[in-house]
Amino acid sequence: MYKVIIPKAAFKELEKIDSQNQKLVFSKILDLENGLFATDKILKGKHKGKFRKRAGDYRIVYLKENDILVITLIRIAHRKEVY
């Protein structure tokens, strides 16, 4: 089980999303807590070392720290503007 940290900036982005997509994003965050990373993509370029999880038209960009089992959410945004 992982601990998911949601910084204030990511939480504000989440608040701007409509309620139906918020529920989907929350379910994906629960997947992160439970360690379900199979379908996640490793990012390249300026986001090297980070991962992304799909949540419908939204993307959750996060940083996974294996040593201490902590996941820090970096950004939650529509796929057109997340990168």
PDB file of N, CA and C in Angstrom:
ATOM      1  N   MET A   1       0.848  -1.181   0.000  1.00  0.00           N
ATOM      2  CA  MET A   1       0.000   0.000   0.000  1.00  0.00           C
ATOM      3  C   MET A   1       0.890   1.240   0.000  1.00  0.00           C
ATOM      4  N   TYR A   2       0.574   2.181  -0.846  1.00  0.00           N
ATOM      5  CA  TYR A   2       1.328   3.418  -0.982  1.00  0.00           C
ATOM      6  C   TYR A   2       0.586   4.565  -0.319  1.00  0.00           C
ATOM      7  N   LYS A   3       1.332   5.568   0.066  1.00  0.00           N
ATOM      8  CA  LYS A   3       0.741   6.805   0.576  1.00  0.00           C
ATOM      9  C   LYS A   3       0.751   7.798  -0.576  1.00  0.00           C
ATOM     10  N   VAL A   4      -0.392   8.369  -0.902  1.00  0.00           N
ATOM     11  CA  VAL A   4      -0.499   9.340  -1.979  1.00  0.00           C
ATOM     12  C   VAL A   4      -0.571  10.746  -1.387  1.00  0.00           C
ATOM     13  N   ILE A   5       0.323  11.603  -1.825  1.00  0.00           N
ATOM     14  CA  ILE A   5       0.349  12.994  -1.377  1.00  0.00           C
ATOM     15  C   ILE A   5      -0.204  13.859  -2.499  1.00  0.00           C
ATOM     16  N   ILE A   6      -1.214  14.664  -2.176  1.00  0.00           N
ATOM     17  CA  ILE A   6      -1.810  15.560  -3.166  1.00  0.00           C
ATOM     18  C   ILE A   6      -1.479  16.991  -2.754  1.00  0.00           C
ATOM     19  N   PRO A   7      -0.528  17.621  -3.447  1.00  0.00           N
ATOM     20  CA  PRO A   7      -0.188  19.017  -3.120  1.00  0.00           C
ATOM     21  C   PRO A   7      -1.374  19.943  -3.397  1.00  0.00           C
ATOM     22  N   LYS A   8      -1.332  21.111  -2.796  1.00  0.00           N
ATOM     23  CA  LYS A   8      -2.415  22.081  -2.914  1.00  0.00           C
ATOM     24  C   LYS A   8      -2.707  22.440  -4.372  1.00  0.00           C
ATOM     25  N   ALA A   9      -1.668  22.601  -5.201  1.00  0.00           N
ATOM     26  CA  ALA A   9      -1.852  22.968  -6.616  1.00  0.00           C
ATOM     27  C   ALA A   9      -2.602  21.869  -7.372  1.00  0.00           C
ATOM     28  N   ALA A  10      -2.249  20.609  -7.126  1.00  0.00           N
ATOM     29  CA  ALA A  10      -2.933  19.499  -7.797  1.00  0.00           C
ATOM     30  C   ALA A  10      -4.373  19.388  -7.301  1.00  0.00           C
ATOM     31  N   PHE A  11      -4.591  19.649  -6.017  1.00  0.00           N
ATOM     32  CA  PHE A  11      -5.945  19.586  -5.474  1.00  0.00           C
ATOM     33  C   PHE A  11      -6.830  20.666  -6.088  1.00  0.00           C
ATOM     34  N   LYS A  12      -6.277  21.853  -6.316  1.00  0.00           N
ATOM     35  CA  LYS A  12      -7.038  22.935  -6.944  1.00  0.00           C
ATOM     36  C   LYS A  12      -7.418  22.561  -8.380  1.00  0.00           C
ATOM     37  N   GLU A  13      -6.504  21.909  -9.105  1.00  0.00           N
ATOM     38  CA  GLU A  13      -6.815  21.449 -10.457  1.00  0.00           C
ATOM     39  C   GLU A  13      -7.943  20.431 -10.421  1.00  0.00           C
ATOM     40  N   LEU A  14      -7.913  19.567  -9.417  1.00  0.00           N
ATOM     41  CA  LEU A  14      -8.947  18.548  -9.276  1.00  0.00           C
ATOM     42  C   LEU A  14     -10.309  19.165  -8.989  1.00  0.00           C
ATOM     43  N   GLU A  15     -10.332  20.244  -8.214  1.00  0.00           N
ATOM     44  CA  GLU A  15     -11.590  20.916  -7.893  1.00  0.00           C
ATOM     45  C   GLU A  15     -12.260  21.528  -9.124  1.00  0.00           C
ATOM     46  N   LYS A  16     -11.477  21.880 -10.147  1.00  0.00           N
ATOM     47  CA  LYS A  16     -12.013  22.507 -11.350  1.00  0.00           C
ATOM     48  C   LYS A  16     -12.690  21.511 -12.296  1.00  0.00           C
ATOM     49  N   ILE A  17     -12.467  20.227 -12.078  1.00  0.00           N
ATOM     50  CA  ILE A  17     -13.013  19.184 -12.948  1.00  0.00           C
ATOM     51  C   ILE A  17     -14.463  18.904 -12.555  1.00  0.00           C
ATOM     52  N   ASP A  18     -15.293  18.565 -13.555  1.00  0.00           N
ATOM     53  CA  ASP A  18     -16.695  18.246 -13.261  1.00  0.00           C
ATOM     54  C   ASP A  18     -16.782  16.988 -12.390  1.00  0.00           C
ATOM     55  N   SER A  19     -17.908  16.829 -11.682  1.00  0.00           N
ATOM     56  CA  SER A  19     -18.032  15.792 -10.651  1.00  0.00           C
ATOM     57  C   SER A  19     -17.897  14.371 -11.200  1.00  0.00           C
ATOM     58  N   GLN A  20     -18.382  14.123 -12.400  1.00  0.00           N
ATOM     59  CA  GLN A  20     -18.286  12.773 -12.966  1.00  0.00           C
ATOM     60  C   GLN A  20     -16.823  12.390 -13.195  1.00  0.00           C
ATOM     61  N   ASN A  21     -16.046  13.313 -13.749  1.00  0.00           N
ATOM     62  CA  ASN A  21     -14.630  13.036 -13.965  1.00  0.00           C
ATOM     63  C   ASN A  21     -13.843  13.048 -12.663  1.00  0.00           C
ATOM     64  N   GLN A  22     -14.296  13.825 -11.674  1.00  0.00           N
ATOM     65  CA  GLN A  22     -13.644  13.798 -10.358  1.00  0.00           C
ATOM     66  C   GLN A  22     -13.730  12.397  -9.764  1.00  0.00           C
ATOM     67  N   LYS A  23     -14.887  11.767  -9.874  1.00  0.00           N
ATOM     68  CA  LYS A  23     -15.053  10.411  -9.347  1.00  0.00           C
ATOM     69  C   LYS A  23     -14.102   9.439 -10.034  1.00  0.00           C
ATOM     70  N   LEU A  24     -13.949   9.595 -11.354  1.00  0.00           N
ATOM     71  CA  LEU A  24     -13.038   8.739 -12.105  1.00  0.00           C
ATOM     72  C   LEU A  24     -11.594   8.958 -11.653  1.00  0.00           C
ATOM     73  N   VAL A  25     -11.211  10.218 -11.475  1.00  0.00           N
ATOM     74  CA  VAL A  25      -9.851  10.531 -11.022  1.00  0.00           C
ATOM     75  C   VAL A  25      -9.617   9.980  -9.626  1.00  0.00           C
ATOM     76  N   PHE A  26     -10.593  10.127  -8.732  1.00  0.00           N
ATOM     77  CA  PHE A  26     -10.445   9.579  -7.379  1.00  0.00           C
ATOM     78  C   PHE A  26     -10.287   8.061  -7.396  1.00  0.00           C
ATOM     79  N   SER A  27     -11.014   7.382  -8.289  1.00  0.00           N
ATOM     80  CA  SER A  27     -10.870   5.927  -8.374  1.00  0.00           C
ATOM     81  C   SER A  27      -9.466   5.556  -8.854  1.00  0.00           C
ATOM     82  N   LYS A  28      -8.898   6.356  -9.755  1.00  0.00           N
ATOM     83  CA  LYS A  28      -7.537   6.102 -10.229  1.00  0.00           C
ATOM     84  C   LYS A  28      -6.513   6.403  -9.138  1.00  0.00           C
ATOM     85  N   ILE A  29      -6.789   7.404  -8.309  1.00  0.00           N
ATOM     86  CA  ILE A  29      -5.901   7.693  -7.175  1.00  0.00           C
ATOM     87  C   ILE A  29      -5.927   6.522  -6.186  1.00  0.00           C
ATOM     88  N   LEU A  30      -7.097   5.925  -5.987  1.00  0.00           N
ATOM     89  CA  LEU A  30      -7.187   4.736  -5.130  1.00  0.00           C
ATOM     90  C   LEU A  30      -6.381   3.582  -5.725  1.00  0.00           C
ATOM     91  N   ASP A  31      -6.393   3.459  -7.074  1.00  0.00           N
ATOM     92  CA  ASP A  31      -5.558   2.444  -7.727  1.00  0.00           C
ATOM     93  C   ASP A  31      -4.089   2.684  -7.410  1.00  0.00           C
ATOM     94  N   LEU A  32      -3.675   3.959  -7.417  1.00  0.00           N
ATOM     95  CA  LEU A  32      -2.289   4.278  -7.076  1.00  0.00           C
ATOM     96  C   LEU A  32      -1.973   3.865  -5.644  1.00  0.00           C
ATOM     97  N   GLU A  33      -2.897   4.145  -4.716  1.00  0.00           N
ATOM     98  CA  GLU A  33      -2.688   3.752  -3.311  1.00  0.00           C
ATOM     99  C   GLU A  33      -2.510   2.249  -3.180  1.00  0.00           C
ATOM    100  N   ASN A  34      -3.241   1.495  -4.009  1.00  0.00           N
ATOM    101  CA  ASN A  34      -3.194   0.036  -3.941  1.00  0.00           C
ATOM    102  C   ASN A  34      -2.062  -0.565  -4.767  1.00  0.00           C
ATOM    103  N   GLY A  35      -1.268   0.289  -5.429  1.00  0.00           N
ATOM    104  CA  GLY A  35      -0.110  -0.200  -6.169  1.00  0.00           C
ATOM    105  C   GLY A  35      -0.422  -0.743  -7.544  1.00  0.00           C
ATOM    106  N   LEU A  36      -1.505  -0.300  -8.174  1.00  0.00           N
ATOM    107  CA  LEU A  36      -1.861  -0.766  -9.513  1.00  0.00           C
ATOM    108  C   LEU A  36      -1.261   0.185 -10.553  1.00  0.00           C
ATOM    109  N   PHE A  37      -0.077  -0.182 -11.076  1.00  0.00           N
ATOM    110  CA  PHE A  37       0.658   0.667 -12.004  1.00  0.00           C
ATOM    111  C   PHE A  37       0.803   0.047 -13.389  1.00  0.00           C
ATOM    112  N   ALA A  38       0.192  -1.096 -13.658  1.00  0.00           N
ATOM    113  CA  ALA A  38       0.448  -1.871 -14.876  1.00  0.00           C
ATOM    114  C   ALA A  38       0.230  -1.076 -16.161  1.00  0.00           C
ATOM    115  N   THR A  39      -0.789  -0.248 -16.220  1.00  0.00           N
ATOM    116  CA  THR A  39      -1.106   0.464 -17.454  1.00  0.00           C
ATOM    117  C   THR A  39      -0.514   1.872 -17.502  1.00  0.00           C
ATOM    118  N   ASP A  40       0.251   2.246 -16.506  1.00  0.00           N
ATOM    119  CA  ASP A  40       0.813   3.593 -16.449  1.00  0.00           C
ATOM    120  C   ASP A  40       2.021   3.711 -17.382  1.00  0.00           C
ATOM    121  N   LYS A  41       2.227   4.914 -17.881  1.00  0.00           N
ATOM    122  CA  LYS A  41       3.292   5.169 -18.841  1.00  0.00           C
ATOM    123  C   LYS A  41       4.402   5.992 -18.188  1.00  0.00           C
ATOM    124  N   ILE A  42       5.649   5.621 -18.482  1.00  0.00           N
ATOM    125  CA  ILE A  42       6.796   6.402 -18.021  1.00  0.00           C
ATOM    126  C   ILE A  42       6.953   7.580 -18.973  1.00  0.00           C
ATOM    127  N   LEU A  43       7.078   8.781 -18.427  1.00  0.00           N
ATOM    128  CA  LEU A  43       7.197   9.975 -19.263  1.00  0.00           C
ATOM    129  C   LEU A  43       8.653  10.241 -19.626  1.00  0.00           C
ATOM    130  N   LYS A  44       8.827  10.931 -20.743  1.00  0.00           N
ATOM    131  CA  LYS A  44      10.166  11.249 -21.247  1.00  0.00           C
ATOM    132  C   LYS A  44      10.347  12.762 -21.310  1.00  0.00           C
ATOM    133  N   GLY A  45      11.507  13.188 -21.769  1.00  0.00           N
ATOM    134  CA  GLY A  45      11.773  14.613 -21.950  1.00  0.00           C
ATOM    135  C   GLY A  45      11.870  15.346 -20.630  1.00  0.00           C
ATOM    136  N   LYS A  46      11.220  16.517 -20.562  1.00  0.00           N
ATOM    137  CA  LYS A  46      11.327  17.325 -19.342  1.00  0.00           C
ATOM    138  C   LYS A  46      10.614  16.683 -18.154  1.00  0.00           C
ATOM    139  N   HIS A  47       9.782  15.677 -18.396  1.00  0.00           N
ATOM    140  CA  HIS A  47       9.076  14.975 -17.323  1.00  0.00           C
ATOM    141  C   HIS A  47       9.713  13.618 -17.015  1.00  0.00           C
ATOM    142  N   LYS A  48      10.959  13.439 -17.406  1.00  0.00           N
ATOM    143  CA  LYS A  48      11.656  12.175 -17.198  1.00  0.00           C
ATOM    144  C   LYS A  48      11.645  11.784 -15.722  1.00  0.00           C
ATOM    145  N   GLY A  49      11.349  10.530 -15.456  1.00  0.00           N
ATOM    146  CA  GLY A  49      11.298  10.036 -14.085  1.00  0.00           C
ATOM    147  C   GLY A  49       9.911  10.071 -13.481  1.00  0.00           C
ATOM    148  N   LYS A  50       8.964  10.680 -14.186  1.00  0.00           N
ATOM    149  CA  LYS A  50       7.582  10.747 -13.711  1.00  0.00           C
ATOM    150  C   LYS A  50       6.733   9.763 -14.499  1.00  0.00           C
ATOM    151  N   PHE A  51       5.548   9.507 -13.996  1.00  0.00           N
ATOM    152  CA  PHE A  51       4.625   8.577 -14.633  1.00  0.00           C
ATOM    153  C   PHE A  51       3.302   9.278 -14.882  1.00  0.00           C
ATOM    154  N   ARG A  52       2.499   8.685 -15.767  1.00  0.00           N
ATOM    155  CA  ARG A  52       1.160   9.221 -15.968  1.00  0.00           C
ATOM    156  C   ARG A  52       0.154   8.088 -15.951  1.00  0.00           C
ATOM    157  N   LYS A  53      -0.988   8.375 -15.356  1.00  0.00           N
ATOM    158  CA  LYS A  53      -2.110   7.435 -15.295  1.00  0.00           C
ATOM    159  C   LYS A  53      -3.270   8.089 -16.014  1.00  0.00           C
ATOM    160  N   ARG A  54      -3.912   7.336 -16.897  1.00  0.00           N
ATOM    161  CA  ARG A  54      -5.068   7.842 -17.632  1.00  0.00           C
ATOM    162  C   ARG A  54      -6.320   7.748 -16.778  1.00  0.00           C
ATOM    163  N   ALA A  55      -7.135   8.795 -16.861  1.00  0.00           N
ATOM    164  CA  ALA A  55      -8.439   8.819 -16.184  1.00  0.00           C
ATOM    165  C   ALA A  55      -9.409   9.479 -17.156  1.00  0.00           C
ATOM    166  N   GLY A  56      -9.864   8.713 -18.148  1.00  0.00           N
ATOM    167  CA  GLY A  56     -10.724   9.268 -19.191  1.00  0.00           C
ATOM    168  C   GLY A  56      -9.938  10.263 -20.017  1.00  0.00           C
ATOM    169  N   ASP A  57     -10.451  11.486 -20.150  1.00  0.00           N
ATOM    170  CA  ASP A  57      -9.757  12.544 -20.888  1.00  0.00           C
ATOM    171  C   ASP A  57      -8.752  13.286 -20.022  1.00  0.00           C
ATOM    172  N   TYR A  58      -8.584  12.866 -18.789  1.00  0.00           N
ATOM    173  CA  TYR A  58      -7.667  13.532 -17.864  1.00  0.00           C
ATOM    174  C   TYR A  58      -6.461  12.650 -17.615  1.00  0.00           C
ATOM    175  N   ARG A  59      -5.366  13.278 -17.215  1.00  0.00           N
ATOM    176  CA  ARG A  59      -4.141  12.569 -16.914  1.00  0.00           C
ATOM    177  C   ARG A  59      -3.675  12.955 -15.518  1.00  0.00           C
ATOM    178  N   ILE A  60      -3.193  11.961 -14.795  1.00  0.00           N
ATOM    179  CA  ILE A  60      -2.618  12.175 -13.471  1.00  0.00           C
ATOM    180  C   ILE A  60      -1.112  11.965 -13.620  1.00  0.00           C
ATOM    181  N   VAL A  61      -0.346  13.016 -13.429  1.00  0.00           N
ATOM    182  CA  VAL A  61       1.104  12.922 -13.512  1.00  0.00           C
ATOM    183  C   VAL A  61       1.625  12.804 -12.087  1.00  0.00           C
ATOM    184  N   TYR A  62       2.450  11.775 -11.857  1.00  0.00           N
ATOM    185  CA  TYR A  62       2.916  11.534 -10.493  1.00  0.00           C
ATOM    186  C   TYR A  62       4.359  11.067 -10.467  1.00  0.00           C
ATOM    187  N   LEU A  63       4.937  11.148  -9.287  1.00  0.00           N
ATOM    188  CA  LEU A  63       6.301  10.728  -9.022  1.00  0.00           C
ATOM    189  C   LEU A  63       6.237   9.614  -7.982  1.00  0.00           C
ATOM    190  N   LYS A  64       6.831   8.479  -8.300  1.00  0.00           N
ATOM    191  CA  LYS A  64       6.796   7.324  -7.397  1.00  0.00           C
ATOM    192  C   LYS A  64       8.169   7.158  -6.751  1.00  0.00           C
ATOM    193  N   GLU A  65       8.181   7.105  -5.431  1.00  0.00           N
ATOM    194  CA  GLU A  65       9.419   6.920  -4.682  1.00  0.00           C
ATOM    195  C   GLU A  65       9.365   5.542  -4.025  1.00  0.00           C
ATOM    196  N   ASN A  66      10.005   4.564  -4.654  1.00  0.00           N
ATOM    197  CA  ASN A  66       9.919   3.173  -4.211  1.00  0.00           C
ATOM    198  C   ASN A  66      10.439   2.931  -2.800  1.00  0.00           C
ATOM    199  N   ASP A  67      11.506   3.620  -2.427  1.00  0.00           N
ATOM    200  CA  ASP A  67      12.137   3.343  -1.140  1.00  0.00           C
ATOM    201  C   ASP A  67      11.198   3.556   0.042  1.00  0.00           C
ATOM    202  N   ILE A  68      10.373   4.588  -0.033  1.00  0.00           N
ATOM    203  CA  ILE A  68       9.524   4.893   1.105  1.00  0.00           C
ATOM    204  C   ILE A  68       8.031   4.753   0.800  1.00  0.00           C
ATOM    205  N   LEU A  69       7.712   4.175  -0.378  1.00  0.00           N
ATOM    206  CA  LEU A  69       6.328   3.908  -0.772  1.00  0.00           C
ATOM    207  C   LEU A  69       5.447   5.152  -0.726  1.00  0.00           C
ATOM    208  N   VAL A  70       5.936   6.232  -1.342  1.00  0.00           N
ATOM    209  CA  VAL A  70       5.194   7.487  -1.401  1.00  0.00           C
ATOM    210  C   VAL A  70       4.981   7.863  -2.863  1.00  0.00           C
ATOM    211  N   ILE A  71       3.777   8.289  -3.181  1.00  0.00           N
ATOM    212  CA  ILE A  71       3.467   8.788  -4.514  1.00  0.00           C
ATOM    213  C   ILE A  71       3.033  10.233  -4.362  1.00  0.00           C
ATOM    214  N   THR A  72       3.702  11.130  -5.066  1.00  0.00           N
ATOM    215  CA  THR A  72       3.354  12.545  -5.033  1.00  0.00           C
ATOM    216  C   THR A  72       2.709  12.919  -6.354  1.00  0.00           C
ATOM    217  N   LEU A  73       1.476  13.389  -6.297  1.00  0.00           N
ATOM    218  CA  LEU A  73       0.799  13.827  -7.512  1.00  0.00           C
ATOM    219  C   LEU A  73       1.382  15.172  -7.925  1.00  0.00           C
ATOM    220  N   ILE A  74       1.745  15.282  -9.186  1.00  0.00           N
ATOM    221  CA  ILE A  74       2.331  16.506  -9.699  1.00  0.00           C
ATOM    222  C   ILE A  74       1.260  17.371 -10.347  1.00  0.00           C
ATOM    223  N   ARG A  75       0.406  16.746 -11.144  1.00  0.00           N
ATOM    224  CA  ARG A  75      -0.571  17.515 -11.907  1.00  0.00           C
ATOM    225  C   ARG A  75      -1.758  16.637 -12.260  1.00  0.00           C
ATOM    226  N   ILE A  76      -2.950  17.225 -12.268  1.00  0.00           N
ATOM    227  CA  ILE A  76      -4.163  16.573 -12.733  1.00  0.00           C
ATOM    228  C   ILE A  76      -4.799  17.557 -13.699  1.00  0.00           C
ATOM    229  N   ALA A  77      -4.823  17.198 -14.981  1.00  0.00           N
ATOM    230  CA  ALA A  77      -5.348  18.136 -15.968  1.00  0.00           C
ATOM    231  C   ALA A  77      -5.850  17.389 -17.190  1.00  0.00           C
ATOM    232  N   HIS A  78      -6.589  18.105 -18.043  1.00  0.00           N
ATOM    233  CA  HIS A  78      -7.086  17.536 -19.292  1.00  0.00           C
ATOM    234  C   HIS A  78      -5.900  17.145 -20.155  1.00  0.00           C
ATOM    235  N   ARG A  79      -6.076  16.135 -20.954  1.00  0.00           N
ATOM    236  CA  ARG A  79      -4.948  15.616 -21.745  1.00  0.00           C
ATOM    237  C   ARG A  79      -4.385  16.642 -22.722  1.00  0.00           C
ATOM    238  N   LYS A  80      -5.180  17.649 -23.120  1.00  0.00           N
ATOM    239  CA  LYS A  80      -4.695  18.683 -24.036  1.00  0.00           C
ATOM    240  C   LYS A  80      -3.704  19.632 -23.363  1.00  0.00           C
ATOM    241  N   GLU A  81      -3.789  19.766 -22.057  1.00  0.00           N
ATOM    242  CA  GLU A  81      -2.970  20.775 -21.393  1.00  0.00           C
ATOM    243  C   GLU A  81      -2.054  20.241 -20.296  1.00  0.00           C
ATOM    244  N   VAL A  82      -2.021  18.942 -20.084  1.00  0.00           N
ATOM    245  CA  VAL A  82      -1.283  18.391 -18.950  1.00  0.00           C
ATOM    246  C   VAL A  82       0.237  18.458 -19.127  1.00  0.00           C
ATOM    247  N   TYR A  83       0.732  18.346 -20.356  1.00  0.00           N
ATOM    248  CA  TYR A  83       2.175  18.322 -20.567  1.00  0.00           C
ATOM    249  C   TYR A  83       2.650  19.701 -20.944  1.00  0.00           C
TER     250      TYR A  83
END
